[in-house]
Amino acid sequence: MDQDMTKDNEDMELLEDDLSLAEQAGQEEIDLLDEDNAVKKMREKLRVCEDEKKAYLDGWQRAQADAVNYKKDEGKRLEDLGRFITQSMLSDLLPVLDSFDLALQSFSAKGGQQNQIEQGVLMIRSQLTDAFKKRGVAQIEVMPGDAFNPEKHESVGEVESDKLAGTVAEEVQKGYTLAGRVIRPVRVRLAK
């Protein structure tokens, strides 16, 4: 009986060992499942972080592009505003230049030598034209017989002329450009 009991004890111990091994295997399986779940959770968190990183980077790049575009647009706007102000001021001063030309024509019509007043008027006109040139203003050149160009010329009438009909017969008022853009067209009479 003692042997039977010993054998029963041994069987019991073997069963307990098997049970212990089974529990360990089960625990290892549970641990593996927990590790798989943990890896899945970490991968999901990593994917979310990568998506957020991409969204933030895209937003930052758009903001950078918007800033660059804003600088360009603002620079162009200020340049246009400067041109407009310059054009407006020059348009106001062109009649003054016309008045100087009329004064000089009046002096020429009287004939004789230049007096001091005429020389003074001529010097002021010269200074004014130099200031215009520095600002990019240029006189539009037109000669009798030139083809009429509606972009640069403004017709104020027709006259009898030996020039081809529809061409420029005479200049009535000078025209000017600012940086290549017409600010006042040349006023001309066309040949009949």
Protein backbone atom coordinates (compact mmCIF):
# COMPACT_ATOMS: atom_id res chain seq x y z
CA MET A 1 0.00 0.00 0.00
CA ASP A 2 2.80 2.21 0.67
CA GLN A 3 3.92 1.60 -2.80
CA ASP A 4 0.50 2.42 -4.11
CA MET A 5 0.49 5.59 -2.17
CA THR A 6 3.90 6.46 -3.33
CA LYS A 7 2.83 5.77 -6.84
CA ASP A 8 -0.31 7.87 -6.33
CA ASN A 9 1.84 10.66 -4.94
CA GLU A 10 4.16 10.40 -7.88
CA ASP A 11 1.21 10.45 -10.26
CA MET A 12 -0.15 13.40 -8.40
CA GLU A 13 3.14 15.20 -8.64
CA LEU A 14 3.32 14.41 -12.35
CA LEU A 15 -0.21 15.71 -12.77
CA GLU A 16 0.67 18.82 -10.82
CA ASP A 17 3.81 19.27 -12.97
CA ASP A 18 1.75 18.77 -16.13
CA LEU A 19 -0.83 21.21 -14.82
CA SER A 20 1.92 23.68 -13.96
CA LEU A 21 3.44 23.28 -17.45
CA ALA A 22 0.00 23.72 -19.02
CA GLU A 23 -0.59 26.83 -16.97
CA GLN A 24 2.80 28.20 -18.02
CA ALA A 25 2.07 27.41 -21.66
CA GLY A 26 -1.32 29.04 -21.34
CA GLN A 27 0.24 32.05 -19.68
CA GLU A 28 2.85 32.24 -22.44
CA GLU A 29 0.06 32.04 -25.00
CA ILE A 30 -1.79 34.81 -23.16
CA ASP A 31 1.46 36.79 -22.99
CA LEU A 32 1.95 36.28 -26.75
CA LEU A 33 -1.62 37.40 -27.40
CA ASP A 34 -1.03 40.44 -25.17
CA GLU A 35 2.22 41.18 -27.04
CA ASP A 36 0.40 40.87 -30.40
CA ASN A 37 -2.30 43.24 -29.15
CA ALA A 38 0.33 45.63 -27.83
CA VAL A 39 2.18 45.56 -31.18
CA LYS A 40 -1.09 46.18 -33.02
CA LYS A 41 -1.90 49.09 -30.72
CA MET A 42 1.61 50.54 -31.17
CA ARG A 43 1.36 50.19 -34.95
CA GLU A 44 -2.02 51.95 -34.91
CA LYS A 45 -0.59 54.76 -32.77
CA LEU A 46 2.38 55.02 -35.13
CA ARG A 47 0.06 55.24 -38.15
CA VAL A 48 -2.00 57.96 -36.44
CA CYS A 49 1.19 59.87 -35.61
CA GLU A 50 2.45 59.57 -39.19
CA ASP A 51 -0.91 60.81 -40.52
CA GLU A 52 -0.80 63.78 -38.12
CA LYS A 53 2.82 64.50 -39.09
CA LYS A 54 1.87 64.48 -42.77
CA ALA A 55 -1.12 66.76 -42.15
CA TYR A 56 1.01 69.21 -40.14
CA LEU A 57 3.77 69.18 -42.77
CA ASP A 58 1.27 69.75 -45.58
CA GLY A 59 -0.31 72.63 -43.63
CA TRP A 60 3.07 74.19 -42.93
CA GLN A 61 4.11 73.91 -46.59
CA ARG A 62 0.83 75.54 -47.69
CA ALA A 63 1.36 78.33 -45.18
CA GLN A 64 4.90 78.87 -46.48
CA ALA A 65 3.64 79.00 -50.08
CA ASP A 66 0.88 81.42 -49.05
CA ALA A 67 3.45 83.67 -47.36
CA VAL A 68 5.68 83.69 -50.45
CA ASN A 69 2.69 84.43 -52.70
CA TYR A 70 1.54 87.19 -50.35
CA LYS A 71 4.97 88.84 -50.48
CA LYS A 72 4.96 88.71 -54.28
CA ASP A 73 1.40 90.05 -54.52
CA GLU A 74 2.07 92.80 -51.98
CA GLY A 75 5.26 93.83 -53.78
CA LYS A 76 3.39 93.99 -57.09
CA ARG A 77 0.55 95.95 -55.50
CA LEU A 78 2.97 98.49 -54.02
CA GLU A 79 4.80 98.77 -57.33
CA ASP A 80 1.50 99.39 -59.14
CA LEU A 81 0.50 101.95 -56.52
CA GLY A 82 3.83 103.74 -56.95
CA ARG A 83 3.37 103.80 -60.73
CA PHE A 84 -0.17 105.12 -60.33
CA ILE A 85 0.94 107.91 -58.00
CA THR A 86 3.84 108.80 -60.29
CA GLN A 87 1.57 108.72 -63.35
CA SER A 88 -1.01 110.91 -61.62
CA MET A 89 1.60 113.48 -60.56
CA LEU A 90 3.21 113.54 -63.99
CA SER A 91 -0.16 113.92 -65.70
CA ASP A 92 -0.75 117.00 -63.53
CA LEU A 93 2.65 118.45 -64.49
CA LEU A 94 2.46 117.84 -68.25
CA PRO A 95 0.27 120.94 -68.81
CA VAL A 96 3.00 122.98 -67.10
CA LEU A 97 5.48 121.66 -69.65
CA ASP A 98 3.02 122.56 -72.41
CA SER A 99 2.82 126.10 -71.03
CA PHE A 100 6.60 126.40 -71.15
CA ASP A 101 6.54 125.27 -74.78
CA LEU A 102 3.89 127.90 -75.58
CA ALA A 103 5.95 130.60 -73.84
CA LEU A 104 9.02 129.61 -75.86
CA GLN A 105 6.99 129.65 -79.09
CA SER A 106 5.75 133.12 -78.17
CA PHE A 107 9.32 134.33 -77.67
CA SER A 108 10.38 132.77 -81.00
CA ALA A 109 7.52 134.46 -82.82
CA LYS A 110 8.75 137.89 -81.67
CA GLY A 111 12.16 137.16 -83.18
CA GLY A 112 15.41 138.80 -82.21
CA GLN A 113 17.87 137.79 -79.56
CA GLN A 114 16.98 135.78 -76.48
CA ASN A 115 16.35 137.95 -73.48
CA GLN A 116 16.85 136.93 -69.88
CA ILE A 117 13.20 135.96 -69.35
CA GLU A 118 13.29 133.63 -72.33
CA GLN A 119 16.54 132.09 -71.10
CA GLY A 120 15.00 131.59 -67.64
CA VAL A 121 11.92 129.91 -69.10
CA LEU A 122 14.13 127.71 -71.25
CA MET A 123 16.22 126.66 -68.21
CA ILE A 124 13.11 125.83 -66.12
CA ARG A 125 11.67 123.79 -68.99
CA SER A 126 14.98 121.94 -69.32
CA GLN A 127 15.03 121.12 -65.59
CA LEU A 128 11.45 119.88 -65.75
CA THR A 129 12.14 117.62 -68.73
CA ASP A 130 15.26 116.26 -66.99
CA ALA A 131 13.18 115.43 -63.89
CA PHE A 132 10.65 113.65 -66.11
CA LYS A 133 13.38 111.63 -67.81
CA LYS A 134 14.73 110.51 -64.42
CA ARG A 135 11.26 109.21 -63.57
CA GLY A 136 11.00 107.26 -66.84
CA VAL A 137 8.86 109.72 -68.80
CA ALA A 138 9.59 109.88 -72.53
CA GLN A 139 8.06 112.00 -75.26
CA ILE A 140 6.27 110.08 -78.00
CA GLU A 141 7.91 111.02 -81.26
CA VAL A 142 5.62 111.57 -84.24
CA MET A 143 6.42 112.98 -87.68
CA PRO A 144 4.09 114.14 -90.45
CA GLY A 145 3.38 111.18 -92.71
CA ASP A 146 3.62 108.59 -89.90
CA ALA A 147 0.87 105.97 -89.81
CA PHE A 148 -1.89 106.72 -87.29
CA ASN A 149 -1.55 104.44 -84.24
CA PRO A 150 -4.62 104.58 -81.94
CA GLU A 151 -2.54 103.24 -79.05
CA LYS A 152 -0.24 106.30 -79.14
CA HIS A 153 -2.18 108.92 -81.11
CA GLU A 154 -5.45 110.73 -80.55
CA SER A 155 -7.05 112.32 -83.60
CA VAL A 156 -8.51 115.78 -83.02
CA GLY A 157 -9.45 116.50 -86.62
CA GLU A 158 -8.41 116.43 -90.25
CA VAL A 159 -6.58 118.94 -92.42
CA GLU A 160 -5.69 119.27 -96.08
CA SER A 161 -2.19 117.91 -96.54
CA ASP A 162 0.14 116.57 -99.18
CA LYS A 163 0.58 113.46 -96.97
CA LEU A 164 -1.26 110.18 -97.55
CA ALA A 165 -4.88 110.28 -96.34
CA GLY A 166 -5.31 108.83 -92.84
CA THR A 167 -1.69 109.48 -91.85
CA VAL A 168 -0.49 112.08 -89.35
CA ALA A 169 -0.48 115.56 -90.90
CA GLU A 170 0.58 117.58 -87.84
CA GLU A 171 1.11 117.33 -84.09
CA VAL A 172 -1.28 119.41 -81.99
CA GLN A 173 -0.08 118.38 -78.50
CA LYS A 174 2.84 116.22 -77.42
CA GLY A 175 2.24 112.80 -75.92
CA TYR A 176 4.24 110.97 -73.27
CA THR A 177 4.92 107.48 -71.96
CA LEU A 178 5.88 106.35 -68.47
CA ALA A 179 7.99 103.20 -68.44
CA GLY A 180 6.72 102.36 -71.93
CA ARG A 181 3.05 102.89 -71.03
CA VAL A 182 1.16 105.80 -72.63
CA ILE A 183 0.12 108.36 -70.02
CA ARG A 184 -1.03 110.92 -72.59
CA PRO A 185 -1.39 110.18 -76.30
CA VAL A 186 -0.07 112.55 -78.93
CA ARG A 187 -2.92 114.73 -80.23
CA VAL A 188 -2.70 114.91 -83.99
CA ARG A 189 -4.60 116.06 -87.05
CA LEU A 190 -4.87 113.55 -89.84
CA ALA A 191 -4.36 114.19 -93.54
CA LYS A 192 -7.49 114.23 -95.72
